[in-house]
Structures are given as C-alpha cells and as structure tokens.
Amino acid sequence: MKTFTYTIKDELGIHARPAGLLAKKAKELDSEITITKGEKTVGATKLMALMGLGVKCGDTITVNVSGVDEENAEKAMKEFLEANL
C-alpha cells in the first residue's frame, strides 16, 4: 500500500467539478484508492462521498493506494491533484 498527503490549493476545495474529475481518474486505475480527511475515509470513485468530505482550500487529505498498479496509480493521483486541486 502506498500513502501520501496533499494540501488542497484550489480556492473552492473539492467541489462538484474536481470531485467528478477525481472520481473519473480513480475509476481508470486498477488499484483501490481512498481519500481521508480527519476521521472520514471514502472511496475515490464515489462522487457524492468525495463532496461529502467537505474539503476546503488549505485542508490536507491523505490518499491511500493499494492494488496491482499501486506505483503507477500513486503517481497518477499525485499528478492529478497537483494539476487540478
């Protein structure tokens, strides 16, 4: 399992558009990806759950990646977050 943290830079946090893009990206990967903020952990492929985390600008999330392509999935998620959030 791979784990990394990321601090959200987008002024609006994880709202509908980036949450949809994040879920779409996670569905493209073969690994299971979860996002954690505080006490809540949700699957990265679940749009409404991602939005329900209430992630705002400046919040730090923890991303967990486990599965057959976790090396590539971790890299892809880092690149996605840096480019979009």
C-alpha atoms as a PDB file:
ATOM      1  CA  MET A   1       0.000   0.000   0.000  1.00  0.00           C
ATOM      2  CA  LYS A   2       1.158   3.500  -0.878  1.00  0.00           C
ATOM      3  CA  THR A   3       0.133   6.551   1.164  1.00  0.00           C
ATOM      4  CA  PHE A   4       0.742  10.244   0.651  1.00  0.00           C
ATOM      5  CA  THR A   5      -0.703  13.527   1.845  1.00  0.00           C
ATOM      6  CA  TYR A   6      -1.722  16.508  -0.240  1.00  0.00           C
ATOM      7  CA  THR A   7      -2.773  20.025   0.768  1.00  0.00           C
ATOM      8  CA  ILE A   8      -5.610  21.396  -1.368  1.00  0.00           C
ATOM      9  CA  LYS A   9      -4.702  24.611  -3.189  1.00  0.00           C
ATOM     10  CA  ASP A  10      -7.944  25.137  -5.159  1.00  0.00           C
ATOM     11  CA  GLU A  11      -9.851  28.097  -3.685  1.00  0.00           C
ATOM     12  CA  LEU A  12     -13.122  26.147  -3.683  1.00  0.00           C
ATOM     13  CA  GLY A  13     -11.719  22.869  -2.377  1.00  0.00           C
ATOM     14  CA  ILE A  14     -13.143  19.587  -3.650  1.00  0.00           C
ATOM     15  CA  HIS A  15     -16.457  20.744  -5.098  1.00  0.00           C
ATOM     16  CA  ALA A  16     -18.572  19.132  -7.853  1.00  0.00           C
ATOM     17  CA  ARG A  17     -16.329  19.596 -10.901  1.00  0.00           C
ATOM     18  CA  PRO A  18     -12.996  18.458  -9.416  1.00  0.00           C
ATOM     19  CA  ALA A  19     -14.721  15.704  -7.422  1.00  0.00           C
ATOM     20  CA  GLY A  20     -16.171  14.366 -10.686  1.00  0.00           C
ATOM     21  CA  LEU A  21     -12.781  14.518 -12.379  1.00  0.00           C
ATOM     22  CA  LEU A  22     -11.126  12.841  -9.395  1.00  0.00           C
ATOM     23  CA  ALA A  23     -13.679  10.016  -9.359  1.00  0.00           C
ATOM     24  CA  LYS A  24     -13.259   9.532 -13.117  1.00  0.00           C
ATOM     25  CA  LYS A  25      -9.467   9.373 -12.781  1.00  0.00           C
ATOM     26  CA  ALA A  26      -9.704   6.878  -9.906  1.00  0.00           C
ATOM     27  CA  LYS A  27     -12.014   4.636 -11.973  1.00  0.00           C
ATOM     28  CA  GLU A  28      -9.381   4.485 -14.740  1.00  0.00           C
ATOM     29  CA  LEU A  29      -6.858   2.896 -12.358  1.00  0.00           C
ATOM     30  CA  ASP A  30      -6.727  -0.752 -11.281  1.00  0.00           C
ATOM     31  CA  SER A  31      -5.851  -0.015  -7.656  1.00  0.00           C
ATOM     32  CA  GLU A  32      -8.265   0.796  -4.845  1.00  0.00           C
ATOM     33  CA  ILE A  33      -7.904   4.446  -3.869  1.00  0.00           C
ATOM     34  CA  THR A  34      -9.281   6.065  -0.728  1.00  0.00           C
ATOM     35  CA  ILE A  35      -9.248   9.688   0.400  1.00  0.00           C
ATOM     36  CA  THR A  36      -9.164  10.571   4.106  1.00  0.00           C
ATOM     37  CA  LYS A  37      -9.883  13.900   5.768  1.00  0.00           C
ATOM     38  CA  GLY A  38      -9.910  13.863   9.542  1.00  0.00           C
ATOM     39  CA  GLU A  39     -11.914  10.856  10.707  1.00  0.00           C
ATOM     40  CA  LYS A  40     -13.688  10.245   7.373  1.00  0.00           C
ATOM     41  CA  THR A  41     -12.392   7.912   4.666  1.00  0.00           C
ATOM     42  CA  VAL A  42     -14.176   7.448   1.330  1.00  0.00           C
ATOM     43  CA  GLY A  43     -13.543   5.611  -1.916  1.00  0.00           C
ATOM     44  CA  ALA A  44     -12.103   7.954  -4.533  1.00  0.00           C
ATOM     45  CA  THR A  45     -14.537   6.634  -7.151  1.00  0.00           C
ATOM     46  CA  LYS A  46     -17.578   7.820  -5.178  1.00  0.00           C
ATOM     47  CA  LEU A  47     -18.502  11.342  -6.289  1.00  0.00           C
ATOM     48  CA  MET A  48     -21.049  12.187  -3.591  1.00  0.00           C
ATOM     49  CA  ALA A  49     -18.843  10.757  -0.838  1.00  0.00           C
ATOM     50  CA  LEU A  50     -15.911  12.888  -2.027  1.00  0.00           C
ATOM     51  CA  MET A  51     -18.050  16.012  -1.930  1.00  0.00           C
ATOM     52  CA  GLY A  52     -19.350  14.943   1.497  1.00  0.00           C
ATOM     53  CA  LEU A  53     -15.848  15.165   2.963  1.00  0.00           C
ATOM     54  CA  GLY A  54     -16.185  18.965   2.865  1.00  0.00           C
ATOM     55  CA  VAL A  55     -12.575  19.511   1.776  1.00  0.00           C
ATOM     56  CA  LYS A  56     -11.718  23.219   1.620  1.00  0.00           C
ATOM     57  CA  CYS A  57      -8.689  25.167   0.421  1.00  0.00           C
ATOM     58  CA  GLY A  58      -5.790  24.572   2.812  1.00  0.00           C
ATOM     59  CA  ASP A  59      -7.109  21.224   4.079  1.00  0.00           C
ATOM     60  CA  THR A  60      -4.745  18.266   3.965  1.00  0.00           C
ATOM     61  CA  ILE A  61      -6.039  14.942   2.690  1.00  0.00           C
ATOM     62  CA  THR A  62      -4.421  11.521   2.878  1.00  0.00           C
ATOM     63  CA  VAL A  63      -4.528   9.337  -0.221  1.00  0.00           C
ATOM     64  CA  ASN A  64      -4.159   5.561   0.143  1.00  0.00           C
ATOM     65  CA  VAL A  65      -3.491   3.426  -2.921  1.00  0.00           C
ATOM     66  CA  SER A  66      -3.426  -0.377  -2.877  1.00  0.00           C
ATOM     67  CA  GLY A  67      -3.571  -2.891  -5.677  1.00  0.00           C
ATOM     68  CA  VAL A  68      -1.764  -4.329  -8.642  1.00  0.00           C
ATOM     69  CA  ASP A  69      -0.729  -0.997 -10.176  1.00  0.00           C
ATOM     70  CA  GLU A  70      -0.208   0.997  -6.977  1.00  0.00           C
ATOM     71  CA  GLU A  71       3.097   2.504  -8.140  1.00  0.00           C
ATOM     72  CA  ASN A  72       1.526   3.924 -11.301  1.00  0.00           C
ATOM     73  CA  ALA A  73      -1.737   4.785  -9.529  1.00  0.00           C
ATOM     74  CA  GLU A  74       0.089   6.737  -6.819  1.00  0.00           C
ATOM     75  CA  LYS A  75       1.983   8.713  -9.447  1.00  0.00           C
ATOM     76  CA  ALA A  76      -1.195   9.341 -11.469  1.00  0.00           C
ATOM     77  CA  MET A  77      -3.092  10.569  -8.401  1.00  0.00           C
ATOM     78  CA  LYS A  78      -0.264  12.891  -7.349  1.00  0.00           C
ATOM     79  CA  GLU A  79      -0.112  14.362 -10.852  1.00  0.00           C
ATOM     80  CA  PHE A  80      -3.909  14.753 -10.966  1.00  0.00           C
ATOM     81  CA  LEU A  81      -4.054  16.519  -7.598  1.00  0.00           C
ATOM     82  CA  GLU A  82      -1.206  18.883  -8.463  1.00  0.00           C
ATOM     83  CA  ALA A  83      -2.784  19.768 -11.818  1.00  0.00           C
ATOM     84  CA  ASN A  84      -6.393  20.145 -10.612  1.00  0.00           C
ATOM     85  CA  LEU A  85      -6.533  20.814  -6.882  1.00  0.00           C
END
